[in-house]
C-alpha atoms as a PDB file:
ATOM      1  CA  UNK A   1     118.180  40.674 111.883  1.00  0.00           C
ATOM      2  CA  UNK A   2     114.589  41.472 112.961  1.00  0.00           C
ATOM      3  CA  UNK A   3     115.827  44.136 115.404  1.00  0.00           C
ATOM      4  CA  UNK A   4     117.804  45.983 112.714  1.00  0.00           C
ATOM      5  CA  UNK A   5     114.781  47.138 110.725  1.00  0.00           C
ATOM      6  CA  UNK A   6     113.102  48.903 113.680  1.00  0.00           C
ATOM      7  CA  UNK A   7     116.469  50.374 114.691  1.00  0.00           C
ATOM      8  CA  UNK A   8     117.052  51.690 111.164  1.00  0.00           C
ATOM      9  CA  UNK A   9     113.499  53.033 111.050  1.00  0.00           C
ATOM     10  CA  UNK A  10     114.036  54.808 114.393  1.00  0.00           C
ATOM     11  CA  UNK A  11     117.295  56.350 113.175  1.00  0.00           C
ATOM     12  CA  UNK A  12     115.538  57.481 109.979  1.00  0.00           C
ATOM     13  CA  UNK A  13     112.662  59.036 111.910  1.00  0.00           C
ATOM     14  CA  UNK A  14     115.056  60.850 114.263  1.00  0.00           C
ATOM     15  CA  UNK A  15     117.057  62.134 111.297  1.00  0.00           C
ATOM     16  CA  UNK A  16     113.911  63.415 109.569  1.00  0.00           C
ATOM     17  CA  UNK A  17     112.705  65.012 112.794  1.00  0.00           C
ATOM     18  CA  UNK A  18     116.026  66.805 113.297  1.00  0.00           C
ATOM     19  CA  UNK A  19     116.007  68.006 109.683  1.00  0.00           C
ATOM     20  CA  UNK A  20     112.448  69.306 110.070  1.00  0.00           C
ATOM     21  CA  UNK A  21     113.441  71.169 113.230  1.00  0.00           C
ATOM     22  CA  UNK A  22     116.414  72.707 111.418  1.00  0.00           C
ATOM     23  CA  UNK A  23     114.342  73.896 108.458  1.00  0.00           C
ATOM     24  CA  UNK A  24     114.044  77.665 108.077  1.00  0.00           C
ATOM     25  CA  UNK A  25     110.699  79.272 108.752  1.00  0.00           C
ATOM     26  CA  UNK A  26     107.932  78.529 106.290  1.00  0.00           C
ATOM     27  CA  UNK A  27     107.973  81.351 103.755  1.00  0.00           C
ATOM     28  CA  UNK A  28     105.260  81.979 101.177  1.00  0.00           C
ATOM     29  CA  UNK A  29     105.343  84.735  98.572  1.00  0.00           C
ATOM     30  CA  UNK A  30     102.960  85.695  95.797  1.00  0.00           C
ATOM     31  CA  UNK A  31     102.930  88.407  93.181  1.00  0.00           C
ATOM     32  CA  UNK A  32      99.722  90.003  91.956  1.00  0.00           C
ATOM     33  CA  UNK A  33      98.724  89.089  88.419  1.00  0.00           C
ATOM     34  CA  UNK A  34     100.075  91.670  85.966  1.00  0.00           C
ATOM     35  CA  UNK A  35     102.219  93.377  88.634  1.00  0.00           C
ATOM     36  CA  UNK A  36     105.373  94.985  87.231  1.00  0.00           C
ATOM     37  CA  UNK A  37     107.746  94.233  90.073  1.00  0.00           C
ATOM     38  CA  UNK A  38     110.760  94.104  87.744  1.00  0.00           C
ATOM     39  CA  UNK A  39     110.497  97.879  87.140  1.00  0.00           C
ATOM     40  CA  UNK A  40     110.724  98.786  90.839  1.00  0.00           C
ATOM     41  CA  UNK A  41     113.811 100.754  91.869  1.00  0.00           C
ATOM     42  CA  UNK A  42     112.713 103.078  94.667  1.00  0.00           C
ATOM     43  CA  UNK A  43     110.936 101.998  97.830  1.00  0.00           C
ATOM     44  CA  UNK A  44     109.786 103.504 101.073  1.00  0.00           C
ATOM     45  CA  UNK A  45     109.182 101.448 104.206  1.00  0.00           C
ATOM     46  CA  UNK A  46     106.079 102.788 105.924  1.00  0.00           C
ATOM     47  CA  UNK A  47     106.288 103.607 109.630  1.00  0.00           C
ATOM     48  CA  UNK A  48     104.352 101.499 112.120  1.00  0.00           C
ATOM     49  CA  UNK A  49     100.702 102.525 111.814  1.00  0.00           C
ATOM     50  CA  UNK A  50      98.156 103.202 114.514  1.00  0.00           C
ATOM     51  CA  UNK A  51      95.756 100.458 115.489  1.00  0.00           C
ATOM     52  CA  UNK A  52      92.172 100.807 114.324  1.00  0.00           C
ATOM     53  CA  UNK A  53      90.896 100.483 117.913  1.00  0.00           C
ATOM     54  CA  UNK A  54      93.378 103.089 119.192  1.00  0.00           C
ATOM     55  CA  UNK A  55      95.049 100.678 121.642  1.00  0.00           C
ATOM     56  CA  UNK A  56      98.783 101.306 121.833  1.00  0.00           C
ATOM     57  CA  UNK A  57     101.047  98.265 121.904  1.00  0.00           C
ATOM     58  CA  UNK A  58     103.664  98.165 124.642  1.00  0.00           C
ATOM     59  CA  UNK A  59     106.711  96.098 125.417  1.00  0.00           C
ATOM     60  CA  UNK A  60     110.360  96.238 124.447  1.00  0.00           C
ATOM     61  CA  UNK A  61     110.082  93.031 122.405  1.00  0.00           C
ATOM     62  CA  UNK A  62     106.729  93.640 120.693  1.00  0.00           C
ATOM     63  CA  UNK A  63     107.510  94.111 116.966  1.00  0.00           C
ATOM     64  CA  UNK A  64     104.386  96.253 116.432  1.00  0.00           C
ATOM     65  CA  UNK A  65     104.877  98.525 119.471  1.00  0.00           C
ATOM     66  CA  UNK A  66     106.004 101.897 118.159  1.00  0.00           C
ATOM     67  CA  UNK A  67     109.549 102.755 119.290  1.00  0.00           C
ATOM     68  CA  UNK A  68     110.154  99.366 120.910  1.00  0.00           C
ATOM     69  CA  UNK A  69     113.541  97.718 120.441  1.00  0.00           C
ATOM     70  CA  UNK A  70     112.014  94.913 118.422  1.00  0.00           C
ATOM     71  CA  UNK A  71     110.081  97.350 116.232  1.00  0.00           C
ATOM     72  CA  UNK A  72     113.147  99.426 115.387  1.00  0.00           C
ATOM     73  CA  UNK A  73     115.216  96.308 114.740  1.00  0.00           C
ATOM     74  CA  UNK A  74     112.548  94.825 112.452  1.00  0.00           C
ATOM     75  CA  UNK A  75     112.119  97.986 110.359  1.00  0.00           C
ATOM     76  CA  UNK A  76     115.901  98.484 110.138  1.00  0.00           C
ATOM     77  CA  UNK A  77     116.442  94.854 109.081  1.00  0.00           C
ATOM     78  CA  UNK A  78     113.834  95.096 106.310  1.00  0.00           C
ATOM     79  CA  UNK A  79     115.239  98.409 105.039  1.00  0.00           C
ATOM     80  CA  UNK A  80     118.813  97.109 105.134  1.00  0.00           C
ATOM     81  CA  UNK A  81     117.872  93.947 103.227  1.00  0.00           C
ATOM     82  CA  UNK A  82     116.023  95.987 100.562  1.00  0.00           C
ATOM     83  CA  UNK A  83     119.011  98.341 100.178  1.00  0.00           C
ATOM     84  CA  UNK A  84     121.316  95.338  99.799  1.00  0.00           C
ATOM     85  CA  UNK A  85     119.021  94.100  97.028  1.00  0.00           C
ATOM     86  CA  UNK A  86     119.668  97.338  95.094  1.00  0.00           C
ATOM     87  CA  UNK A  87     116.684  99.504  96.032  1.00  0.00           C
ATOM     88  CA  UNK A  88     116.925 103.133  97.091  1.00  0.00           C
ATOM     89  CA  UNK A  89     114.755 104.845  99.677  1.00  0.00           C
ATOM     90  CA  UNK A  90     112.538 107.561  98.301  1.00  0.00           C
ATOM     91  CA  UNK A  91     110.080 109.159 100.661  1.00  0.00           C
ATOM     92  CA  UNK A  92     108.872 111.381  97.834  1.00  0.00           C
ATOM     93  CA  UNK A  93     107.110 109.420  95.028  1.00  0.00           C
ATOM     94  CA  UNK A  94     108.597 105.930  95.501  1.00  0.00           C
ATOM     95  CA  UNK A  95     107.777 103.175  93.008  1.00  0.00           C
ATOM     96  CA  UNK A  96     106.338 101.100  95.870  1.00  0.00           C
ATOM     97  CA  UNK A  97     105.794 101.357  99.608  1.00  0.00           C
ATOM     98  CA  UNK A  98     106.449  98.506 102.019  1.00  0.00           C
ATOM     99  CA  UNK A  99     104.222  97.623 104.983  1.00  0.00           C
ATOM    100  CA  UNK A 100     105.438  95.290 107.724  1.00  0.00           C
ATOM    101  CA  UNK A 101     103.375  93.304 110.210  1.00  0.00           C
ATOM    102  CA  UNK A 102     104.488  90.830 112.880  1.00  0.00           C
ATOM    103  CA  UNK A 103     102.820  89.102 115.794  1.00  0.00           C
ATOM    104  CA  UNK A 104     104.285  86.828 118.410  1.00  0.00           C
ATOM    105  CA  UNK A 105     101.653  86.751 121.134  1.00  0.00           C
ATOM    106  CA  UNK A 106      98.301  86.850 119.348  1.00  0.00           C
ATOM    107  CA  UNK A 107      96.624  86.233 116.025  1.00  0.00           C
ATOM    108  CA  UNK A 108      97.680  88.766 113.382  1.00  0.00           C
ATOM    109  CA  UNK A 109      94.691  90.732 112.098  1.00  0.00           C
ATOM    110  CA  UNK A 110      95.707  93.070 109.271  1.00  0.00           C
ATOM    111  CA  UNK A 111      92.414  94.945 109.585  1.00  0.00           C
ATOM    112  CA  UNK A 112      93.486  96.125 113.062  1.00  0.00           C
ATOM    113  CA  UNK A 113      96.213  98.351 111.567  1.00  0.00           C
ATOM    114  CA  UNK A 114      95.655 101.629 109.707  1.00  0.00           C
ATOM    115  CA  UNK A 115      98.181 101.507 106.887  1.00  0.00           C
ATOM    116  CA  UNK A 116      95.639 102.966 104.452  1.00  0.00           C
ATOM    117  CA  UNK A 117      95.540 100.383 101.663  1.00  0.00           C
ATOM    118  CA  UNK A 118      93.373  97.386 100.838  1.00  0.00           C
ATOM    119  CA  UNK A 119      94.911  94.601 102.880  1.00  0.00           C
ATOM    120  CA  UNK A 120      92.821  91.821 101.333  1.00  0.00           C
ATOM    121  CA  UNK A 121      94.033  91.282  97.769  1.00  0.00           C
ATOM    122  CA  UNK A 122      91.676  88.939  95.902  1.00  0.00           C
ATOM    123  CA  UNK A 123      94.585  87.023  94.417  1.00  0.00           C
ATOM    124  CA  UNK A 124      96.167  86.048  97.776  1.00  0.00           C
ATOM    125  CA  UNK A 125      93.843  83.105  98.477  1.00  0.00           C
ATOM    126  CA  UNK A 126      94.365  81.557  95.038  1.00  0.00           C
ATOM    127  CA  UNK A 127      96.593  78.906  96.617  1.00  0.00           C
ATOM    128  CA  UNK A 128      94.130  77.784  99.279  1.00  0.00           C
ATOM    129  CA  UNK A 129      90.356  77.945  99.420  1.00  0.00           C
ATOM    130  CA  UNK A 130      90.119  78.125 103.227  1.00  0.00           C
ATOM    131  CA  UNK A 131      92.714  80.820 103.823  1.00  0.00           C
ATOM    132  CA  UNK A 132      91.865  84.367 104.843  1.00  0.00           C
ATOM    133  CA  UNK A 133      93.818  87.224 103.360  1.00  0.00           C
ATOM    134  CA  UNK A 134      93.688  89.376 106.522  1.00  0.00           C
ATOM    135  CA  UNK A 135      93.823  86.896 109.439  1.00  0.00           C
ATOM    136  CA  UNK A 136      96.978  84.951 110.271  1.00  0.00           C
ATOM    137  CA  UNK A 137      98.024  82.810 113.256  1.00  0.00           C
ATOM    138  CA  UNK A 138     100.325  84.050 116.021  1.00  0.00           C
ATOM    139  CA  UNK A 139     103.939  83.824 114.933  1.00  0.00           C
ATOM    140  CA  UNK A 140     103.319  85.369 111.508  1.00  0.00           C
ATOM    141  CA  UNK A 141     105.547  87.966 109.879  1.00  0.00           C
ATOM    142  CA  UNK A 142     104.041  89.618 106.797  1.00  0.00           C
ATOM    143  CA  UNK A 143     105.496  92.071 104.283  1.00  0.00           C
ATOM    144  CA  UNK A 144     103.280  93.795 101.707  1.00  0.00           C
ATOM    145  CA  UNK A 145     104.656  95.715  98.743  1.00  0.00           C
ATOM    146  CA  UNK A 146     102.023  98.249  97.710  1.00  0.00           C
ATOM    147  CA  UNK A 147     101.525 100.535  94.715  1.00  0.00           C
ATOM    148  CA  UNK A 148     101.367 104.024  96.301  1.00  0.00           C
ATOM    149  CA  UNK A 149      99.072 105.380  93.581  1.00  0.00           C
ATOM    150  CA  UNK A 150      96.424 102.641  93.377  1.00  0.00           C
ATOM    151  CA  UNK A 151      96.971 101.274  96.923  1.00  0.00           C
ATOM    152  CA  UNK A 152      96.903  97.733  95.500  1.00  0.00           C
ATOM    153  CA  UNK A 153      99.067  95.014  97.025  1.00  0.00           C
ATOM    154  CA  UNK A 154     101.563  93.990  94.322  1.00  0.00           C
ATOM    155  CA  UNK A 155     103.543  91.410  96.281  1.00  0.00           C
ATOM    156  CA  UNK A 156     103.033  89.681  99.601  1.00  0.00           C
ATOM    157  CA  UNK A 157     105.418  87.585 101.630  1.00  0.00           C
ATOM    158  CA  UNK A 158     104.532  85.736 104.808  1.00  0.00           C
ATOM    159  CA  UNK A 159     106.573  83.624 107.160  1.00  0.00           C
ATOM    160  CA  UNK A 160     105.777  81.561 110.210  1.00  0.00           C
ATOM    161  CA  UNK A 161     108.058  81.453 113.216  1.00  0.00           C
ATOM    162  CA  UNK A 162     108.228  79.171 116.187  1.00  0.00           C
ATOM    163  CA  UNK A 163     107.100  81.036 119.290  1.00  0.00           C
ATOM    164  CA  UNK A 164     109.081  80.336 122.440  1.00  0.00           C
ATOM    165  CA  UNK A 165     108.922  81.510 126.039  1.00  0.00           C
ATOM    166  CA  UNK A 166     111.876  83.923 125.704  1.00  0.00           C
ATOM    167  CA  UNK A 167     110.782  87.303 124.257  1.00  0.00           C
ATOM    168  CA  UNK A 168     114.340  88.130 123.138  1.00  0.00           C
ATOM    169  CA  UNK A 169     114.605  84.882 121.166  1.00  0.00           C
ATOM    170  CA  UNK A 170     111.172  85.566 119.631  1.00  0.00           C
ATOM    171  CA  UNK A 171     112.356  89.028 118.544  1.00  0.00           C
ATOM    172  CA  UNK A 172     115.436  87.483 116.916  1.00  0.00           C
ATOM    173  CA  UNK A 173     113.234  84.950 115.144  1.00  0.00           C
ATOM    174  CA  UNK A 174     111.017  87.765 113.810  1.00  0.00           C
ATOM    175  CA  UNK A 175     114.121  89.391 112.283  1.00  0.00           C
ATOM    176  CA  UNK A 176     115.245  86.120 110.720  1.00  0.00           C
ATOM    177  CA  UNK A 177     111.815  85.479 109.178  1.00  0.00           C
ATOM    178  CA  UNK A 178     111.510  89.057 107.873  1.00  0.00           C
ATOM    179  CA  UNK A 179     114.957  88.817 106.288  1.00  0.00           C
ATOM    180  CA  UNK A 180     114.052  85.481 104.670  1.00  0.00           C
ATOM    181  CA  UNK A 181     110.874  87.037 103.242  1.00  0.00           C
ATOM    182  CA  UNK A 182     112.708  90.032 101.740  1.00  0.00           C
ATOM    183  CA  UNK A 183     115.300  87.707 100.221  1.00  0.00           C
ATOM    184  CA  UNK A 184     112.444  86.302  98.110  1.00  0.00           C
ATOM    185  CA  UNK A 185     111.679  89.744  96.641  1.00  0.00           C
ATOM    186  CA  UNK A 186     113.279  90.260  93.208  1.00  0.00           C
ATOM    187  CA  UNK A 187     116.459  92.340  93.137  1.00  0.00           C
ATOM    188  CA  UNK A 188     116.372  95.831  91.665  1.00  0.00           C
ATOM    189  CA  UNK A 189     117.676  96.051  88.122  1.00  0.00           C
ATOM    190  CA  UNK A 190     120.817  98.151  87.889  1.00  0.00           C
ATOM    191  CA  UNK A 191     120.402 101.490  86.196  1.00  0.00           C
ATOM    192  CA  UNK A 192     122.603 101.957  83.124  1.00  0.00           C
ATOM    193  CA  UNK A 193     124.220 105.375  82.910  1.00  0.00           C
ATOM    194  CA  UNK A 194     125.554 106.476  79.553  1.00  0.00           C
ATOM    195  CA  UNK A 195     129.054 107.890  79.518  1.00  0.00           C
ATOM    196  CA  UNK A 196     129.719 111.156  77.743  1.00  0.00           C
ATOM    197  CA  UNK A 197     132.280 111.251  74.946  1.00  0.00           C
END
């Protein structure tokens, strides 16, 4: 009977370990205090910005390299998920604009990218006293929803992915994390249209 307890404990530990490995990426979202996300109907996903230092990213599987396969797939996946949630694209005067960041091979520094808004919302670190609002570890995917008039971040979603040796698998993981982040964004309210008599 003494050998059964360690055997049961080992089975329990293996089960917990397999469940932890099967868990989806760690997703964290926060909304700015007093943000009116429920009124958002039109969005515009911003194109990949230039880097502050002028260095151009390269590589077919780099999600921040302009015109790379991974970059196009990431932006298309985010747009598609937002459209499925009821939002419409409006390049001219959208309710909000969406900025996307992703890094698989190095630490993600939001200050390195010239999107043109304040990337360090004061409310982001409310959950943790030692967390930076512009520096994230490698394997981070981040989506900011920004007010185009005030340039304030209204909503932020981040997700961590497991980085592997295969760049194609990493690119697929970036898409899965980005989709999981957008699925946390509230759906657009349907617009009621009055019928004429």
